């Protein structure tokens, strides 16, 4: 067996493992849905949520500035759900 083939095979296995292990971690993250406000929280820390932006007219990620006060990441419009 050639050493170059052996090491390139090992590198291929490591790269494949790194790619597929990241996909499995993403699938394990839970998506939390707040039924009262109709808000979908994308991450577990609750800093970003998916809301319908009035300016962009699409579902966009919004950053939570304060409790129930969000800012669109694209157009920077504030959404107050208080």
N, C-alpha and C. Protein backbone atom coordinates (compact mmCIF):
# COMPACT_ATOMS: atom_id res chain seq x y z
N UNK A 1 0.84 -1.17 0.00
CA UNK A 1 0.00 0.00 0.00
C UNK A 1 0.89 1.24 0.00
N UNK A 2 0.53 2.19 -0.79
CA UNK A 2 1.29 3.43 -0.90
C UNK A 2 0.93 4.34 0.28
N UNK A 3 1.93 5.02 0.86
CA UNK A 3 1.69 5.89 2.02
C UNK A 3 0.82 7.09 1.65
N UNK A 4 0.99 7.58 0.45
CA UNK A 4 0.19 8.73 0.01
C UNK A 4 -1.29 8.35 -0.05
N UNK A 5 -1.61 7.18 -0.53
CA UNK A 5 -3.00 6.73 -0.58
C UNK A 5 -3.55 6.51 0.82
N UNK A 6 -2.73 6.00 1.72
CA UNK A 6 -3.16 5.76 3.09
C UNK A 6 -3.53 7.07 3.79
N UNK A 7 -2.64 8.08 3.68
CA UNK A 7 -2.91 9.36 4.35
C UNK A 7 -4.06 10.12 3.69
N UNK A 8 -4.21 10.04 2.39
CA UNK A 8 -5.34 10.71 1.75
C UNK A 8 -6.66 10.02 2.13
N UNK A 9 -6.64 8.74 2.34
CA UNK A 9 -7.83 8.03 2.81
C UNK A 9 -8.22 8.45 4.22
N UNK A 10 -7.21 8.59 5.08
CA UNK A 10 -7.47 9.05 6.45
C UNK A 10 -8.04 10.46 6.44
N UNK A 11 -7.48 11.34 5.62
CA UNK A 11 -7.98 12.72 5.54
C UNK A 11 -9.41 12.76 5.01
N UNK A 12 -9.74 11.90 4.08
CA UNK A 12 -11.10 11.83 3.54
C UNK A 12 -12.08 11.41 4.62
N UNK A 13 -11.69 10.45 5.44
CA UNK A 13 -12.55 10.00 6.53
C UNK A 13 -12.76 11.13 7.54
N UNK A 14 -11.72 11.87 7.90
CA UNK A 14 -11.85 12.97 8.86
C UNK A 14 -12.75 14.08 8.32
N UNK A 15 -12.58 14.44 7.07
CA UNK A 15 -13.40 15.50 6.47
C UNK A 15 -14.86 15.07 6.39
N UNK A 16 -15.10 13.83 5.99
CA UNK A 16 -16.47 13.32 5.92
C UNK A 16 -17.11 13.30 7.30
N UNK A 17 -16.38 12.88 8.31
CA UNK A 17 -16.89 12.85 9.67
C UNK A 17 -17.21 14.27 10.15
N UNK A 18 -16.34 15.23 9.85
CA UNK A 18 -16.56 16.61 10.29
C UNK A 18 -17.81 17.19 9.64
N UNK A 19 -18.04 16.89 8.38
CA UNK A 19 -19.21 17.43 7.68
C UNK A 19 -20.49 16.82 8.23
N UNK A 20 -20.53 15.51 8.37
CA UNK A 20 -21.76 14.86 8.80
C UNK A 20 -22.02 14.99 10.29
N UNK A 21 -21.01 15.17 11.11
CA UNK A 21 -21.26 15.38 12.53
C UNK A 21 -21.89 16.74 12.77
N UNK A 22 -21.55 17.75 11.97
CA UNK A 22 -22.16 19.08 12.09
C UNK A 22 -23.62 19.04 11.69
N UNK A 23 -23.98 18.28 10.69
CA UNK A 23 -25.36 18.16 10.26
C UNK A 23 -26.19 17.51 11.36
N UNK A 24 -25.65 16.51 12.03
CA UNK A 24 -26.38 15.85 13.10
C UNK A 24 -26.60 16.78 14.29
N UNK A 25 -25.64 17.65 14.59
CA UNK A 25 -25.81 18.61 15.68
C UNK A 25 -26.91 19.61 15.35
N UNK A 26 -27.01 20.05 14.09
CA UNK A 26 -28.04 20.99 13.70
C UNK A 26 -29.42 20.37 13.81
N UNK A 27 -29.56 19.10 13.50
CA UNK A 27 -30.85 18.44 13.58
C UNK A 27 -31.29 18.25 15.02
N UNK A 28 -30.36 18.18 15.97
CA UNK A 28 -30.71 17.94 17.36
C UNK A 28 -31.19 19.20 18.07
N UNK A 29 -30.93 20.39 17.50
CA UNK A 29 -31.40 21.63 18.12
C UNK A 29 -32.92 21.68 18.06
N UNK A 30 -33.50 22.10 19.14
CA UNK A 30 -34.95 22.17 19.21
C UNK A 30 -35.43 23.54 18.74
N UNK A 31 -36.57 23.56 18.08
CA UNK A 31 -37.22 24.80 17.68
C UNK A 31 -38.40 25.00 18.61
N UNK A 32 -38.41 26.14 19.30
CA UNK A 32 -39.45 26.43 20.27
C UNK A 32 -40.49 27.34 19.62
N UNK A 33 -41.77 27.00 19.81
CA UNK A 33 -42.85 27.80 19.23
C UNK A 33 -43.66 28.39 20.36
N UNK A 34 -43.81 29.72 20.33
CA UNK A 34 -44.65 30.41 21.30
C UNK A 34 -46.02 30.60 20.67
N UNK A 35 -47.02 29.86 21.17
CA UNK A 35 -48.34 29.87 20.56
C UNK A 35 -49.08 31.19 20.74
N UNK A 36 -48.84 31.89 21.84
CA UNK A 36 -49.56 33.12 22.11
C UNK A 36 -49.20 34.21 21.10
N UNK A 37 -47.92 34.38 20.83
CA UNK A 37 -47.49 35.45 19.94
C UNK A 37 -47.27 34.96 18.51
N UNK A 38 -47.29 33.67 18.29
CA UNK A 38 -47.02 33.13 16.96
C UNK A 38 -45.57 33.29 16.55
N UNK A 39 -44.67 33.17 17.50
CA UNK A 39 -43.24 33.40 17.28
C UNK A 39 -42.52 32.06 17.27
N UNK A 40 -41.64 31.87 16.29
CA UNK A 40 -40.80 30.68 16.23
C UNK A 40 -39.39 31.08 16.62
N UNK A 41 -38.88 30.48 17.68
CA UNK A 41 -37.53 30.79 18.15
C UNK A 41 -36.56 29.82 17.51
N UNK A 42 -35.56 30.36 16.79
CA UNK A 42 -34.64 29.52 16.03
C UNK A 42 -33.53 28.93 16.89
N UNK A 43 -33.11 29.62 17.91
CA UNK A 43 -32.06 29.08 18.75
C UNK A 43 -32.55 28.98 20.18
N UNK A 44 -31.84 28.21 21.00
CA UNK A 44 -32.29 27.95 22.35
C UNK A 44 -32.09 29.14 23.27
N UNK A 45 -31.20 30.06 22.93
CA UNK A 45 -30.99 31.22 23.79
C UNK A 45 -32.10 32.24 23.62
N UNK A 46 -32.88 32.17 22.54
CA UNK A 46 -34.02 33.07 22.34
C UNK A 46 -33.64 34.43 21.83
N UNK A 47 -32.47 34.61 21.29
CA UNK A 47 -32.05 35.92 20.82
C UNK A 47 -32.56 36.24 19.43
N UNK A 48 -32.77 35.23 18.58
CA UNK A 48 -33.27 35.44 17.22
C UNK A 48 -34.58 34.69 17.04
N UNK A 49 -35.56 35.35 16.42
CA UNK A 49 -36.84 34.72 16.14
C UNK A 49 -37.21 35.00 14.69
N UNK A 50 -38.08 34.18 14.14
CA UNK A 50 -38.56 34.37 12.78
C UNK A 50 -39.93 35.03 12.84
N UNK A 51 -40.01 36.23 12.26
CA UNK A 51 -41.25 36.99 12.22
C UNK A 51 -41.49 37.47 10.80
N UNK A 52 -42.70 37.85 10.52
CA UNK A 52 -43.03 38.45 9.23
C UNK A 52 -42.69 39.93 9.31
N UNK A 53 -41.74 40.36 8.50
CA UNK A 53 -41.32 41.76 8.50
C UNK A 53 -42.24 42.56 7.58
N UNK A 54 -42.73 43.70 8.06
CA UNK A 54 -43.65 44.52 7.28
C UNK A 54 -42.93 45.25 6.15
N UNK A 55 -41.68 45.60 6.35
CA UNK A 55 -40.92 46.30 5.31
C UNK A 55 -40.44 45.32 4.24
N UNK A 56 -39.85 44.20 4.66
CA UNK A 56 -39.32 43.21 3.72
C UNK A 56 -40.44 42.38 3.08
N UNK A 57 -41.58 42.28 3.76
CA UNK A 57 -42.73 41.49 3.33
C UNK A 57 -42.41 40.01 3.17
N UNK A 58 -41.54 39.52 4.04
CA UNK A 58 -41.17 38.11 4.06
C UNK A 58 -40.90 37.70 5.49
N UNK A 59 -40.81 36.39 5.70
CA UNK A 59 -40.40 35.89 7.01
C UNK A 59 -38.90 36.06 7.14
N UNK A 60 -38.48 36.86 8.10
CA UNK A 60 -37.06 37.16 8.31
C UNK A 60 -36.72 36.94 9.77
N UNK A 61 -35.43 36.76 10.03
CA UNK A 61 -34.97 36.64 11.41
C UNK A 61 -34.94 38.02 12.05
N UNK A 62 -35.41 38.06 13.29
CA UNK A 62 -35.40 39.29 14.07
C UNK A 62 -34.60 39.05 15.35
N UNK A 63 -33.83 40.03 15.73
CA UNK A 63 -33.03 39.95 16.96
C UNK A 63 -33.83 40.57 18.10
N UNK A 64 -33.85 39.88 19.24
CA UNK A 64 -34.58 40.39 20.39
C UNK A 64 -33.72 41.42 21.12
N UNK A 65 -34.18 42.67 21.16
CA UNK A 65 -33.47 43.73 21.85
C UNK A 65 -33.84 43.77 23.32
N UNK A 66 -35.13 43.74 23.58
CA UNK A 66 -35.67 43.68 24.93
C UNK A 66 -36.76 42.62 24.92
N UNK A 67 -37.43 42.45 26.04
CA UNK A 67 -38.51 41.49 26.08
C UNK A 67 -39.63 41.97 25.16
N UNK A 68 -39.98 41.15 24.19
CA UNK A 68 -41.03 41.43 23.20
C UNK A 68 -40.75 42.65 22.33
N UNK A 69 -39.49 43.02 22.16
CA UNK A 69 -39.09 44.07 21.23
C UNK A 69 -38.02 43.49 20.32
N UNK A 70 -38.31 43.43 19.02
CA UNK A 70 -37.45 42.75 18.06
C UNK A 70 -37.01 43.72 16.97
N UNK A 71 -35.86 43.41 16.34
CA UNK A 71 -35.33 44.22 15.25
C UNK A 71 -34.99 43.30 14.09
N UNK A 72 -35.48 43.66 12.89
CA UNK A 72 -35.21 42.86 11.69
C UNK A 72 -33.72 42.91 11.39
N UNK A 73 -33.13 41.76 11.06
CA UNK A 73 -31.70 41.73 10.77
C UNK A 73 -31.38 42.30 9.40
N UNK A 74 -32.37 42.42 8.53
CA UNK A 74 -32.12 42.92 7.18
C UNK A 74 -32.35 44.42 7.07
N UNK A 75 -33.54 44.89 7.48
CA UNK A 75 -33.88 46.30 7.28
C UNK A 75 -33.81 47.11 8.57
N UNK A 76 -33.56 46.49 9.70
CA UNK A 76 -33.40 47.14 11.01
C UNK A 76 -34.69 47.77 11.53
N UNK A 77 -35.85 47.34 11.05
CA UNK A 77 -37.12 47.85 11.54
C UNK A 77 -37.46 47.19 12.87
N UNK A 78 -37.99 47.98 13.80
CA UNK A 78 -38.36 47.47 15.11
C UNK A 78 -39.79 46.95 15.09
N UNK A 79 -40.01 45.82 15.77
CA UNK A 79 -41.33 45.23 15.92
C UNK A 79 -41.59 45.11 17.43
N UNK A 80 -42.65 45.76 17.87
CA UNK A 80 -43.00 45.76 19.29
C UNK A 80 -44.21 44.87 19.49
N UNK A 81 -44.08 43.80 20.27
CA UNK A 81 -45.17 42.86 20.51
C UNK A 81 -45.72 42.99 21.92
N UNK A 82 -45.46 44.12 22.58
CA UNK A 82 -45.93 44.31 23.96
C UNK A 82 -47.38 44.60 24.03
